Amino acid sequence: MNSSELDSFLREYTFYERFLLSKINPKDINSLQNFIKNNYFDEKVMKKFDLFDSSSIEDALINSQKPFNNRTISNLTDDITFVCHPRFAETPEHHHNYVEMIYVYSGEFHQTVNGNKIEMKKGEFCLLDTNVVHSIAQTSENDIIINCIMSKKYLDDILINRLSGNDLISSFFIHAIYQSNNYNDYILFRSEESEILGKLMEYVLCEYFDSSLCSSEVINSYMVIIFSELLRVFENQSNSENYGLLKNTKITDIILYIQNNCKDATLASVAEQFHFHPTYLGSIIKKFQGDNFISILQDAKLKKACFLLKNSDLSVLDISKSIGYENTNFFYKIFKKNYGCTPSEYRKNIR
């Protein structure tokens, strides 16, 4: 898929958009069934819009007219998903349990986020944290809006470590992962003049909608570049439109330090690194993460173990020692408790 083919693909009406344009009352079952019978349902086109997770098309169209359901990532199959916002429809207030990046591919976009009215133009981005309450005004023919939906697993495994030097994004993502119950921020990027971001989004969308060999790795790499470019945009823009951004990024540095030094890290050593009393550091971690230091450290160790099991030929014994567990039996025990299988079984299943 090239840029021209992508543009045609994104502008093609989805089944749901044709339904909206038909003005059919979904309660009129006969008209609804005739519409379904006489309209071609293109699975490839529907990949760009994920309304149809119901048991039947008819149920989906009927349910589409009910009050908007707050979406959860359990409805989606991928850690990162790109969908087109449906044109010709208004979306009432709602929130999600995942991070969402909105990109205006064409036209314009009007939404209200946490009570703040925002107008976005072609080429601009908005990053929405978990639990942000927002509503979307009806869009028209030329308004092509791309929603990039990212699971917490994707943020943790792919983006945070590779963007660890960028406090703004790292802080945003870490809070999205660990404070999802009460953190509801957003960041607006006035990037309409950035040609490189437009091209990068084209490349990502072509890879996603027409995937081939190594598309997943290509998409992940593009996403890191996109967020790096967005940080450059943010650095040069007025921040008056970005409400409630995290002011204290210390917790970001603490989490990243634990992840990068999980083999030897202790509460005392981390406290010394950041000039805190160990008791106070423990309370900070508990407050922001909702879990204690030992649990955070163990999670970091196990994630590193999973990475090594997948990407190296080190023995389980060597991996256990490399993450700070001299007692291999203990490593086996906690690994199986967390992943439901032994390290060897995990390696076999993932390769």
Foldseek 3Di string as FASTA:
>chain_A
DALVVLVVLLLDAALLLVVLVVVDDLVPVVVLVVSVVPDDHDPLSCLQPPQPPDPDPSVSNNCVPDQDDADECVSDDDQKGKHKDHAQDWHAKHFYLWKKKKAWQWAKWWKAWPNRTDIGHHGKMKIKAGPIIMITGHHDSGGTMMIMTHHLCCCVPQPLLLPVVDLQVNQRSLLSNQVNVPDIFMAIFNGNPPPVLSVLVSVLSCCRSVPDPPSVVVNSVSVNVNVVVSVVRVVPDDRPVGPDGDDDSVVSVLLNVLLVQLQDDDLCVSCVVVVHDSVVVQVVCCVRRVDGPVVSSVVSLLVVLLVCLQPHPDDLCVSCNVSHHNPSVVVQVVNCVVPVHGSVVSSVVND
